[in-house]
Amino acid sequence: MTIRKDGKAKGEDLKLLMNVNEIRSFIKVEMSKEFSAHQFIIKLMEKETELYGKLLCKYKNATITQMVIGKYLQNYQTQLGIAQKEKAPGPDILQKPSKCAIWIQV
């Protein structure tokens, strides 16, 4: 990935940064049968720090980055082998009140 002088990511979009096959494998290995989007993001931060760092560089804001990751899970759920069960209240990764999707592996 190239970072421009203004700090913005260039040359990669989310689909390239978050390869569906790699994320599917990550979910199978790292996540429980049922997990929240926030749990996924926290695990991604812990296990794939370089990827999460690239996402933060691209979106410049942790809240926006979380929203983008959540949308990614929603948009690619079939390819990722997950299905959305419900939305539930709970703190986000910054401990702010939030609703997030609960996912199950299928």
PDB file of N, CA and C in Angstrom:
ATOM      1  N   MET A   1       0.842  -1.171   0.000  1.00  0.00           N
ATOM      2  CA  MET A   1       0.000   0.000   0.000  1.00  0.00           C
ATOM      3  C   MET A   1       0.888   1.235   0.000  1.00  0.00           C
ATOM      4  N   THR A   2       0.489   2.216  -0.717  1.00  0.00           N
ATOM      5  CA  THR A   2       1.206   3.474  -0.778  1.00  0.00           C
ATOM      6  C   THR A   2       0.476   4.505   0.072  1.00  0.00           C
ATOM      7  N   ILE A   3       1.194   5.210   0.906  1.00  0.00           N
ATOM      8  CA  ILE A   3       0.617   6.307   1.679  1.00  0.00           C
ATOM      9  C   ILE A   3       1.094   7.613   1.059  1.00  0.00           C
ATOM     10  N   ARG A   4       0.159   8.458   0.650  1.00  0.00           N
ATOM     11  CA  ARG A   4       0.506   9.740   0.048  1.00  0.00           C
ATOM     12  C   ARG A   4       1.004  10.703   1.106  1.00  0.00           C
ATOM     13  N   LYS A   5       1.585  11.815   0.667  1.00  0.00           N
ATOM     14  CA  LYS A   5       2.091  12.818   1.600  1.00  0.00           C
ATOM     15  C   LYS A   5       0.991  13.377   2.490  1.00  0.00           C
ATOM     16  N   ASP A   6      -0.249  13.423   1.989  1.00  0.00           N
ATOM     17  CA  ASP A   6      -1.355  13.914   2.814  1.00  0.00           C
ATOM     18  C   ASP A   6      -1.876  12.850   3.773  1.00  0.00           C
ATOM     19  N   GLY A   7      -1.245  11.666   3.789  1.00  0.00           N
ATOM     20  CA  GLY A   7      -1.586  10.613   4.728  1.00  0.00           C
ATOM     21  C   GLY A   7      -2.673   9.669   4.272  1.00  0.00           C
ATOM     22  N   LYS A   8      -3.245   9.884   3.114  1.00  0.00           N
ATOM     23  CA  LYS A   8      -4.319   9.028   2.632  1.00  0.00           C
ATOM     24  C   LYS A   8      -3.764   7.798   1.927  1.00  0.00           C
ATOM     25  N   ALA A   9      -4.476   6.699   2.072  1.00  0.00           N
ATOM     26  CA  ALA A   9      -4.073   5.466   1.399  1.00  0.00           C
ATOM     27  C   ALA A   9      -4.379   5.586  -0.078  1.00  0.00           C
ATOM     28  N   LYS A  10      -3.516   5.046  -0.887  1.00  0.00           N
ATOM     29  CA  LYS A  10      -3.685   5.108  -2.337  1.00  0.00           C
ATOM     30  C   LYS A  10      -3.476   3.716  -2.910  1.00  0.00           C
ATOM     31  N   GLY A  11      -4.294   3.364  -3.883  1.00  0.00           N
ATOM     32  CA  GLY A  11      -4.029   2.144  -4.639  1.00  0.00           C
ATOM     33  C   GLY A  11      -4.653   0.881  -4.093  1.00  0.00           C
ATOM     34  N   GLU A  12      -5.367   0.944  -2.976  1.00  0.00           N
ATOM     35  CA  GLU A  12      -6.015  -0.246  -2.456  1.00  0.00           C
ATOM     36  C   GLU A  12      -7.411   0.143  -1.970  1.00  0.00           C
ATOM     37  N   ASP A  13      -8.379  -0.691  -2.249  1.00  0.00           N
ATOM     38  CA  ASP A  13      -9.693  -0.470  -1.676  1.00  0.00           C
ATOM     39  C   ASP A  13      -9.934  -1.528  -0.610  1.00  0.00           C
ATOM     40  N   LEU A  14     -11.056  -1.444   0.041  1.00  0.00           N
ATOM     41  CA  LEU A  14     -11.341  -2.356   1.143  1.00  0.00           C
ATOM     42  C   LEU A  14     -11.318  -3.813   0.713  1.00  0.00           C
ATOM     43  N   LYS A  15     -11.824  -4.096  -0.472  1.00  0.00           N
ATOM     44  CA  LYS A  15     -11.851  -5.475  -0.968  1.00  0.00           C
ATOM     45  C   LYS A  15     -10.441  -6.046  -1.099  1.00  0.00           C
ATOM     46  N   LEU A  16      -9.491  -5.213  -1.479  1.00  0.00           N
ATOM     47  CA  LEU A  16      -8.109  -5.676  -1.585  1.00  0.00           C
ATOM     48  C   LEU A  16      -7.472  -5.808  -0.217  1.00  0.00           C
ATOM     49  N   LEU A  17      -7.773  -4.865   0.684  1.00  0.00           N
ATOM     50  CA  LEU A  17      -7.202  -4.927   2.024  1.00  0.00           C
ATOM     51  C   LEU A  17      -7.740  -6.124   2.800  1.00  0.00           C
ATOM     52  N   MET A  18      -9.037  -6.374   2.662  1.00  0.00           N
ATOM     53  CA  MET A  18      -9.676  -7.459   3.399  1.00  0.00           C
ATOM     54  C   MET A  18     -10.106  -8.542   2.416  1.00  0.00           C
ATOM     55  N   ASN A  19      -9.162  -9.363   2.021  1.00  0.00           N
ATOM     56  CA  ASN A  19      -9.410 -10.463   1.093  1.00  0.00           C
ATOM     57  C   ASN A  19     -10.448 -11.413   1.690  1.00  0.00           C
ATOM     58  N   VAL A  20     -11.509 -11.655   0.952  1.00  0.00           N
ATOM     59  CA  VAL A  20     -12.629 -12.459   1.445  1.00  0.00           C
ATOM     60  C   VAL A  20     -12.177 -13.844   1.896  1.00  0.00           C
ATOM     61  N   ASN A  21     -11.335 -14.514   1.127  1.00  0.00           N
ATOM     62  CA  ASN A  21     -10.883 -15.860   1.498  1.00  0.00           C
ATOM     63  C   ASN A  21     -10.059 -15.840   2.774  1.00  0.00           C
ATOM     64  N   GLU A  22      -9.203 -14.835   2.926  1.00  0.00           N
ATOM     65  CA  GLU A  22      -8.384 -14.736   4.144  1.00  0.00           C
ATOM     66  C   GLU A  22      -9.241 -14.411   5.355  1.00  0.00           C
ATOM     67  N   ILE A  23     -10.217 -13.532   5.187  1.00  0.00           N
ATOM     68  CA  ILE A  23     -11.086 -13.174   6.309  1.00  0.00           C
ATOM     69  C   ILE A  23     -11.988 -14.358   6.675  1.00  0.00           C
ATOM     70  N   ARG A  24     -12.429 -15.113   5.677  1.00  0.00           N
ATOM     71  CA  ARG A  24     -13.237 -16.313   5.968  1.00  0.00           C
ATOM     72  C   ARG A  24     -12.423 -17.296   6.813  1.00  0.00           C
ATOM     73  N   SER A  25     -11.184 -17.522   6.447  1.00  0.00           N
ATOM     74  CA  SER A  25     -10.312 -18.411   7.226  1.00  0.00           C
ATOM     75  C   SER A  25     -10.084 -17.859   8.625  1.00  0.00           C
ATOM     76  N   PHE A  26      -9.883 -16.558   8.717  1.00  0.00           N
ATOM     77  CA  PHE A  26      -9.691 -15.895  10.011  1.00  0.00           C
ATOM     78  C   PHE A  26     -10.910 -16.144  10.910  1.00  0.00           C
ATOM     79  N   ILE A  27     -12.101 -15.969  10.354  1.00  0.00           N
ATOM     80  CA  ILE A  27     -13.326 -16.177  11.126  1.00  0.00           C
ATOM     81  C   ILE A  27     -13.416 -17.613  11.614  1.00  0.00           C
ATOM     82  N   LYS A  28     -13.131 -18.568  10.733  1.00  0.00           N
ATOM     83  CA  LYS A  28     -13.222 -19.987  11.114  1.00  0.00           C
ATOM     84  C   LYS A  28     -12.257 -20.334  12.243  1.00  0.00           C
ATOM     85  N   VAL A  29     -11.059 -19.780  12.202  1.00  0.00           N
ATOM     86  CA  VAL A  29     -10.033 -20.124  13.185  1.00  0.00           C
ATOM     87  C   VAL A  29     -10.164 -19.310  14.470  1.00  0.00           C
ATOM     88  N   GLU A  30     -10.421 -18.035  14.345  1.00  0.00           N
ATOM     89  CA  GLU A  30     -10.323 -17.128  15.488  1.00  0.00           C
ATOM     90  C   GLU A  30     -11.638 -16.826  16.209  1.00  0.00           C
ATOM     91  N   MET A  31     -12.761 -16.986  15.532  1.00  0.00           N
ATOM     92  CA  MET A  31     -14.026 -16.567  16.125  1.00  0.00           C
ATOM     93  C   MET A  31     -14.837 -17.767  16.608  1.00  0.00           C
ATOM     94  N   SER A  32     -15.648 -17.543  17.636  1.00  0.00           N
ATOM     95  CA  SER A  32     -16.546 -18.594  18.113  1.00  0.00           C
ATOM     96  C   SER A  32     -17.697 -18.754  17.124  1.00  0.00           C
ATOM     97  N   LYS A  33     -18.515 -19.755  17.330  1.00  0.00           N
ATOM     98  CA  LYS A  33     -19.649 -20.024  16.430  1.00  0.00           C
ATOM     99  C   LYS A  33     -20.560 -18.800  16.326  1.00  0.00           C
ATOM    100  N   GLU A  34     -20.742 -18.091  17.418  1.00  0.00           N
ATOM    101  CA  GLU A  34     -21.539 -16.865  17.439  1.00  0.00           C
ATOM    102  C   GLU A  34     -20.663 -15.744  17.980  1.00  0.00           C
ATOM    103  N   PHE A  35     -20.652 -14.620  17.298  1.00  0.00           N
ATOM    104  CA  PHE A  35     -19.803 -13.511  17.718  1.00  0.00           C
ATOM    105  C   PHE A  35     -20.425 -12.190  17.291  1.00  0.00           C
ATOM    106  N   SER A  36     -20.029 -11.128  17.967  1.00  0.00           N
ATOM    107  CA  SER A  36     -20.517  -9.797  17.601  1.00  0.00           C
ATOM    108  C   SER A  36     -19.516  -9.140  16.657  1.00  0.00           C
ATOM    109  N   ALA A  37     -19.988  -8.133  15.968  1.00  0.00           N
ATOM    110  CA  ALA A  37     -19.090  -7.370  15.091  1.00  0.00           C
ATOM    111  C   ALA A  37     -17.966  -6.751  15.916  1.00  0.00           C
ATOM    112  N   HIS A  38     -18.279  -6.301  17.131  1.00  0.00           N
ATOM    113  CA  HIS A  38     -17.245  -5.707  17.981  1.00  0.00           C
ATOM    114  C   HIS A  38     -16.201  -6.747  18.388  1.00  0.00           C
ATOM    115  N   GLN A  39     -16.637  -7.963  18.697  1.00  0.00           N
ATOM    116  CA  GLN A  39     -15.681  -9.028  19.015  1.00  0.00           C
ATOM    117  C   GLN A  39     -14.784  -9.314  17.814  1.00  0.00           C
ATOM    118  N   PHE A  40     -15.366  -9.311  16.622  1.00  0.00           N
ATOM    119  CA  PHE A  40     -14.574  -9.523  15.409  1.00  0.00           C
ATOM    120  C   PHE A  40     -13.517  -8.429  15.266  1.00  0.00           C
ATOM    121  N   ILE A  41     -13.912  -7.189  15.459  1.00  0.00           N
ATOM    122  CA  ILE A  41     -12.976  -6.071  15.303  1.00  0.00           C
ATOM    123  C   ILE A  41     -11.862  -6.156  16.333  1.00  0.00           C
ATOM    124  N   ILE A  42     -12.208  -6.464  17.576  1.00  0.00           N
ATOM    125  CA  ILE A  42     -11.179  -6.585  18.624  1.00  0.00           C
ATOM    126  C   ILE A  42     -10.200  -7.707  18.284  1.00  0.00           C
ATOM    127  N   LYS A  43     -10.715  -8.839  17.832  1.00  0.00           N
ATOM    128  CA  LYS A  43      -9.841  -9.965  17.461  1.00  0.00           C
ATOM    129  C   LYS A  43      -8.971  -9.601  16.264  1.00  0.00           C
ATOM    130  N   LEU A  44      -9.543  -8.874  15.312  1.00  0.00           N
ATOM    131  CA  LEU A  44      -8.780  -8.412  14.152  1.00  0.00           C
ATOM    132  C   LEU A  44      -7.644  -7.491  14.606  1.00  0.00           C
ATOM    133  N   MET A  45      -7.944  -6.605  15.544  1.00  0.00           N
ATOM    134  CA  MET A  45      -6.921  -5.702  16.074  1.00  0.00           C
ATOM    135  C   MET A  45      -5.792  -6.481  16.748  1.00  0.00           C
ATOM    136  N   GLU A  46      -6.156  -7.523  17.489  1.00  0.00           N
ATOM    137  CA  GLU A  46      -5.166  -8.309  18.226  1.00  0.00           C
ATOM    138  C   GLU A  46      -4.307  -9.180  17.315  1.00  0.00           C
ATOM    139  N   LYS A  47      -4.948  -9.854  16.361  1.00  0.00           N
ATOM    140  CA  LYS A  47      -4.264 -10.863  15.555  1.00  0.00           C
ATOM    141  C   LYS A  47      -3.740 -10.346  14.221  1.00  0.00           C
ATOM    142  N   GLU A  48      -4.363  -9.315  13.698  1.00  0.00           N
ATOM    143  CA  GLU A  48      -3.997  -8.771  12.381  1.00  0.00           C
ATOM    144  C   GLU A  48      -3.751  -7.263  12.501  1.00  0.00           C
ATOM    145  N   THR A  49      -2.775  -6.916  13.350  1.00  0.00           N
ATOM    146  CA  THR A  49      -2.531  -5.504  13.636  1.00  0.00           C
ATOM    147  C   THR A  49      -2.122  -4.708  12.397  1.00  0.00           C
ATOM    148  N   GLU A  50      -1.377  -5.318  11.506  1.00  0.00           N
ATOM    149  CA  GLU A  50      -0.962  -4.608  10.294  1.00  0.00           C
ATOM    150  C   GLU A  50      -2.177  -4.267   9.428  1.00  0.00           C
ATOM    151  N   LEU A  51      -3.062  -5.230   9.249  1.00  0.00           N
ATOM    152  CA  LEU A  51      -4.276  -4.990   8.477  1.00  0.00           C
ATOM    153  C   LEU A  51      -5.118  -3.900   9.138  1.00  0.00           C
ATOM    154  N   TYR A  52      -5.329  -4.007  10.443  1.00  0.00           N
ATOM    155  CA  TYR A  52      -6.136  -3.000  11.127  1.00  0.00           C
ATOM    156  C   TYR A  52      -5.485  -1.623  11.031  1.00  0.00           C
ATOM    157  N   GLY A  53      -4.174  -1.585  11.133  1.00  0.00           N
ATOM    158  CA  GLY A  53      -3.453  -0.316  10.974  1.00  0.00           C
ATOM    159  C   GLY A  53      -3.655   0.286   9.595  1.00  0.00           C
ATOM    160  N   LYS A  54      -3.641  -0.548   8.564  1.00  0.00           N
ATOM    161  CA  LYS A  54      -3.885  -0.061   7.202  1.00  0.00           C
ATOM    162  C   LYS A  54      -5.299   0.502   7.075  1.00  0.00           C
ATOM    163  N   LEU A  55      -6.257  -0.179   7.711  1.00  0.00           N
ATOM    164  CA  LEU A  55      -7.635   0.315   7.668  1.00  0.00           C
ATOM    165  C   LEU A  55      -7.748   1.669   8.373  1.00  0.00           C
ATOM    166  N   LEU A  56      -7.092   1.798   9.515  1.00  0.00           N
ATOM    167  CA  LEU A  56      -7.100   3.086  10.221  1.00  0.00           C
ATOM    168  C   LEU A  56      -6.451   4.179   9.378  1.00  0.00           C
ATOM    169  N   CYS A  57      -5.364   3.852   8.716  1.00  0.00           N
ATOM    170  CA  CYS A  57      -4.716   4.831   7.828  1.00  0.00           C
ATOM    171  C   CYS A  57      -5.660   5.245   6.707  1.00  0.00           C
ATOM    172  N   LYS A  58      -6.376   4.288   6.172  1.00  0.00           N
ATOM    173  CA  LYS A  58      -7.281   4.565   5.054  1.00  0.00           C
ATOM    174  C   LYS A  58      -8.465   5.428   5.488  1.00  0.00           C
ATOM    175  N   TYR A  59      -9.052   5.127   6.637  1.00  0.00           N
ATOM    176  CA  TYR A  59     -10.289   5.803   7.043  1.00  0.00           C
ATOM    177  C   TYR A  59     -10.092   6.895   8.099  1.00  0.00           C
ATOM    178  N   LYS A  60      -8.890   6.999   8.680  1.00  0.00           N
ATOM    179  CA  LYS A  60      -8.501   8.112   9.547  1.00  0.00           C
ATOM    180  C   LYS A  60      -9.290   8.260  10.843  1.00  0.00           C
ATOM    181  N   ASN A  61     -10.148   7.323  11.177  1.00  0.00           N
ATOM    182  CA  ASN A  61     -11.001   7.484  12.342  1.00  0.00           C
ATOM    183  C   ASN A  61     -11.440   6.088  12.787  1.00  0.00           C
ATOM    184  N   ALA A  62     -11.298   5.786  14.078  1.00  0.00           N
ATOM    185  CA  ALA A  62     -11.635   4.453  14.578  1.00  0.00           C
ATOM    186  C   ALA A  62     -13.123   4.150  14.422  1.00  0.00           C
ATOM    187  N   THR A  63     -13.980   5.130  14.655  1.00  0.00           N
ATOM    188  CA  THR A  63     -15.415   4.908  14.535  1.00  0.00           C
ATOM    189  C   THR A  63     -15.800   4.593  13.098  1.00  0.00           C
ATOM    190  N   ILE A  64     -15.253   5.348  12.160  1.00  0.00           N
ATOM    191  CA  ILE A  64     -15.543   5.097  10.743  1.00  0.00           C
ATOM    192  C   ILE A  64     -14.981   3.737  10.334  1.00  0.00           C
ATOM    193  N   THR A  65     -13.791   3.416  10.801  1.00  0.00           N
ATOM    194  CA  THR A  65     -13.183   2.125  10.490  1.00  0.00           C
ATOM    195  C   THR A  65     -14.068   0.987  10.985  1.00  0.00           C
ATOM    196  N   GLN A  66     -14.613   1.108  12.195  1.00  0.00           N
ATOM    197  CA  GLN A  66     -15.525   0.087  12.723  1.00  0.00           C
ATOM    198  C   GLN A  66     -16.762  -0.044  11.851  1.00  0.00           C
ATOM    199  N   MET A  67     -17.323   1.084  11.434  1.00  0.00           N
ATOM    200  CA  MET A  67     -18.513   1.054  10.588  1.00  0.00           C
ATOM    201  C   MET A  67     -18.219   0.370   9.253  1.00  0.00           C
ATOM    202  N   VAL A  68     -17.059   0.668   8.685  1.00  0.00           N
ATOM    203  CA  VAL A  68     -16.676   0.082   7.406  1.00  0.00           C
ATOM    204  C   VAL A  68     -16.491  -1.433   7.549  1.00  0.00           C
ATOM    205  N   ILE A  69     -15.864  -1.866   8.626  1.00  0.00           N
ATOM    206  CA  ILE A  69     -15.676  -3.308   8.853  1.00  0.00           C
ATOM    207  C   ILE A  69     -17.030  -3.987   9.032  1.00  0.00           C
ATOM    208  N   GLY A  70     -17.921  -3.359   9.783  1.00  0.00           N
ATOM    209  CA  GLY A  70     -19.266  -3.911   9.964  1.00  0.00           C
ATOM    210  C   GLY A  70     -20.006  -4.033   8.644  1.00  0.00           C
ATOM    211  N   LYS A  71     -19.891  -3.020   7.803  1.00  0.00           N
ATOM    212  CA  LYS A  71     -20.536  -3.047   6.485  1.00  0.00           C
ATOM    213  C   LYS A  71     -19.916  -4.145   5.612  1.00  0.00           C
ATOM    214  N   TYR A  72     -18.601  -4.317   5.730  1.00  0.00           N
ATOM    215  CA  TYR A  72     -17.908  -5.378   4.996  1.00  0.00           C
ATOM    216  C   TYR A  72     -18.486  -6.741   5.377  1.00  0.00           C
ATOM    217  N   LEU A  73     -18.648  -6.993   6.688  1.00  0.00           N
ATOM    218  CA  LEU A  73     -19.219  -8.265   7.130  1.00  0.00           C
ATOM    219  C   LEU A  73     -20.612  -8.457   6.539  1.00  0.00           C
ATOM    220  N   GLN A  74     -21.393  -7.396   6.540  1.00  0.00           N
ATOM    221  CA  GLN A  74     -22.755  -7.463   6.000  1.00  0.00           C
ATOM    222  C   GLN A  74     -22.748  -7.729   4.490  1.00  0.00           C
ATOM    223  N   ASN A  75     -21.927  -7.000   3.765  1.00  0.00           N
ATOM    224  CA  ASN A  75     -21.902  -7.116   2.303  1.00  0.00           C
ATOM    225  C   ASN A  75     -21.371  -8.461   1.812  1.00  0.00           C
ATOM    226  N   TYR A  76     -20.447  -9.055   2.547  1.00  0.00           N
ATOM    227  CA  TYR A  76     -19.805 -10.296   2.102  1.00  0.00           C
ATOM    228  C   TYR A  76     -20.158 -11.491   2.986  1.00  0.00           C
ATOM    229  N   GLN A  77     -21.259 -11.419   3.713  1.00  0.00           N
ATOM    230  CA  GLN A  77     -21.592 -12.477   4.663  1.00  0.00           C
ATOM    231  C   GLN A  77     -21.692 -13.859   4.021  1.00  0.00           C
ATOM    232  N   THR A  78     -22.255 -13.954   2.842  1.00  0.00           N
ATOM    233  CA  THR A  78     -22.375 -15.263   2.184  1.00  0.00           C
ATOM    234  C   THR A  78     -20.995 -15.833   1.881  1.00  0.00           C
ATOM    235  N   GLN A  79     -20.114 -15.021   1.286  1.00  0.00           N
ATOM    236  CA  GLN A  79     -18.762 -15.470   0.955  1.00  0.00           C
ATOM    237  C   GLN A  79     -17.927 -15.756   2.210  1.00  0.00           C
ATOM    238  N   LEU A  80     -18.239 -15.063   3.313  1.00  0.00           N
ATOM    239  CA  LEU A  80     -17.493 -15.248   4.553  1.00  0.00           C
ATOM    240  C   LEU A  80     -18.013 -16.424   5.382  1.00  0.00           C
ATOM    241  N   GLY A  81     -19.140 -16.999   4.971  1.00  0.00           N
ATOM    242  CA  GLY A  81     -19.703 -18.129   5.699  1.00  0.00           C
ATOM    243  C   GLY A  81     -20.346 -17.739   7.013  1.00  0.00           C
ATOM    244  N   ILE A  82     -20.955 -16.547   7.056  1.00  0.00           N
ATOM    245  CA  ILE A  82     -21.616 -16.074   8.260  1.00  0.00           C
ATOM    246  C   ILE A  82     -23.019 -15.573   7.902  1.00  0.00           C
ATOM    247  N   ALA A  83     -23.859 -15.491   8.916  1.00  0.00           N
ATOM    248  CA  ALA A  83     -25.200 -14.940   8.730  1.00  0.00           C
ATOM    249  C   ALA A  83     -25.515 -14.055   9.928  1.00  0.00           C
ATOM    250  N   GLN A  84     -26.175 -12.951   9.658  1.00  0.00           N
ATOM    251  CA  GLN A  84     -26.521 -12.037  10.741  1.00  0.00           C
ATOM    252  C   GLN A  84     -27.719 -12.583  11.503  1.00  0.00           C
ATOM    253  N   LYS A  85     -27.574 -12.659  12.800  1.00  0.00           N
ATOM    254  CA  LYS A  85     -28.622 -13.193  13.664  1.00  0.00           C
ATOM    255  C   LYS A  85     -29.534 -12.071  14.145  1.00  0.00           C
ATOM    256  N   GLU A  86     -28.947 -11.014  14.666  1.00  0.00           N
ATOM    257  CA  GLU A  86     -29.690  -9.889  15.232  1.00  0.00           C
ATOM    258  C   GLU A  86     -28.730  -8.728  15.457  1.00  0.00           C
ATOM    259  N   LYS A  87     -29.282  -7.638  15.936  1.00  0.00           N
ATOM    260  CA  LYS A  87     -28.448  -6.535  16.410  1.00  0.00           C
ATOM    261  C   LYS A  87     -28.672  -6.429  17.907  1.00  0.00           C
ATOM    262  N   ALA A  88     -27.607  -6.167  18.628  1.00  0.00           N
ATOM    263  CA  ALA A  88     -27.708  -6.105  20.085  1.00  0.00           C
ATOM    264  C   ALA A  88     -26.962  -4.885  20.607  1.00  0.00           C
ATOM    265  N   PRO A  89     -27.461  -4.289  21.685  1.00  0.00           N
ATOM    266  CA  PRO A  89     -26.745  -3.161  22.285  1.00  0.00           C
ATOM    267  C   PRO A  89     -25.517  -3.648  23.036  1.00  0.00           C
ATOM    268  N   GLY A  90     -24.547  -2.795  23.115  1.00  0.00           N
ATOM    269  CA  GLY A  90     -23.332  -3.113  23.857  1.00  0.00           C
ATOM    270  C   GLY A  90     -22.273  -2.079  23.532  1.00  0.00           C
ATOM    271  N   PRO A  91     -21.237  -2.022  24.338  1.00  0.00           N
ATOM    272  CA  PRO A  91     -20.191  -1.032  24.075  1.00  0.00           C
ATOM    273  C   PRO A  91     -19.376  -1.401  22.835  1.00  0.00           C
ATOM    274  N   ASP A  92     -18.964  -0.374  22.088  1.00  0.00           N
ATOM    275  CA  ASP A  92     -18.080  -0.623  20.955  1.00  0.00           C
ATOM    276  C   ASP A  92     -16.656  -0.790  21.460  1.00  0.00           C
ATOM    277  N   ILE A  93     -15.711  -0.870  20.567  1.00  0.00           N
ATOM    278  CA  ILE A  93     -14.324  -1.120  20.981  1.00  0.00           C
ATOM    279  C   ILE A  93     -13.727   0.051  21.748  1.00  0.00           C
ATOM    280  N   LEU A  94     -14.370   1.217  21.664  1.00  0.00           N
ATOM    281  CA  LEU A  94     -13.936   2.391  22.427  1.00  0.00           C
ATOM    282  C   LEU A  94     -14.777   2.573  23.688  1.00  0.00           C
ATOM    283  N   GLN A  95     -15.575   1.571  24.021  1.00  0.00           N
ATOM    284  CA  GLN A  95     -16.452   1.550  25.185  1.00  0.00           C
ATOM    285  C   GLN A  95     -17.580   2.581  25.123  1.00  0.00           C
ATOM    286  N   LYS A  96     -17.952   2.987  23.921  1.00  0.00           N
ATOM    287  CA  LYS A  96     -19.088   3.885  23.732  1.00  0.00           C
ATOM    288  C   LYS A  96     -20.337   3.039  23.482  1.00  0.00           C
ATOM    289  N   PRO A  97     -21.505   3.486  23.968  1.00  0.00           N
ATOM    290  CA  PRO A  97     -22.735   2.727  23.713  1.00  0.00           C
ATOM    291  C   PRO A  97     -22.992   2.605  22.213  1.00  0.00           C
ATOM    292  N   SER A  98     -23.386   1.426  21.816  1.00  0.00           N
ATOM    293  CA  SER A  98     -23.563   1.175  20.393  1.00  0.00           C
ATOM    294  C   SER A  98     -24.403  -0.081  20.200  1.00  0.00           C
ATOM    295  N   LYS A  99     -25.017  -0.202  19.045  1.00  0.00           N
ATOM    296  CA  LYS A  99     -25.649  -1.453  18.640  1.00  0.00           C
ATOM    297  C   LYS A  99     -24.739  -2.098  17.613  1.00  0.00           C
ATOM    298  N   CYS A 100     -24.641  -3.409  17.676  1.00  0.00           N
ATOM    299  CA  CYS A 100     -23.842  -4.074  16.653  1.00  0.00           C
ATOM    300  C   CYS A 100     -24.470  -5.405  16.278  1.00  0.00           C
ATOM    301  N   ALA A 101     -24.093  -5.887  15.127  1.00  0.00           N
ATOM    302  CA  ALA A 101     -24.623  -7.142  14.603  1.00  0.00           C
ATOM    303  C   ALA A 101     -24.029  -8.325  15.356  1.00  0.00           C
ATOM    304  N   ILE A 102     -24.868  -9.320  15.554  1.00  0.00           N
ATOM    305  CA  ILE A 102     -24.433 -10.610  16.069  1.00  0.00           C
ATOM    306  C   ILE A 102     -24.411 -11.563  14.878  1.00  0.00           C
ATOM    307  N   TRP A 103     -23.297 -12.252  14.707  1.00  0.00           N
ATOM    308  CA  TRP A 103     -23.097 -13.130  13.565  1.00  0.00           C
ATOM    309  C   TRP A 103     -22.976 -14.578  14.026  1.00  0.00           C
ATOM    310  N   ILE A 104     -23.410 -15.495  13.183  1.00  0.00           N
ATOM    311  CA  ILE A 104     -23.191 -16.914  13.414  1.00  0.00           C
ATOM    312  C   ILE A 104     -22.497 -17.499  12.193  1.00  0.00           C
ATOM    313  N   GLN A 105     -21.595 -18.433  12.457  1.00  0.00           N
ATOM    314  CA  GLN A 105     -20.939 -19.110  11.349  1.00  0.00           C
ATOM    315  C   GLN A 105     -21.889 -20.173  10.810  1.00  0.00           C
ATOM    316  N   VAL A 106     -21.994 -20.235   9.488  1.00  0.00           N
ATOM    317  CA  VAL A 106     -22.899 -21.213   8.863  1.00  0.00           C
ATOM    318  C   VAL A 106     -22.118 -22.254   8.103  1.00  0.00           C
TER     319      VAL A 106
END
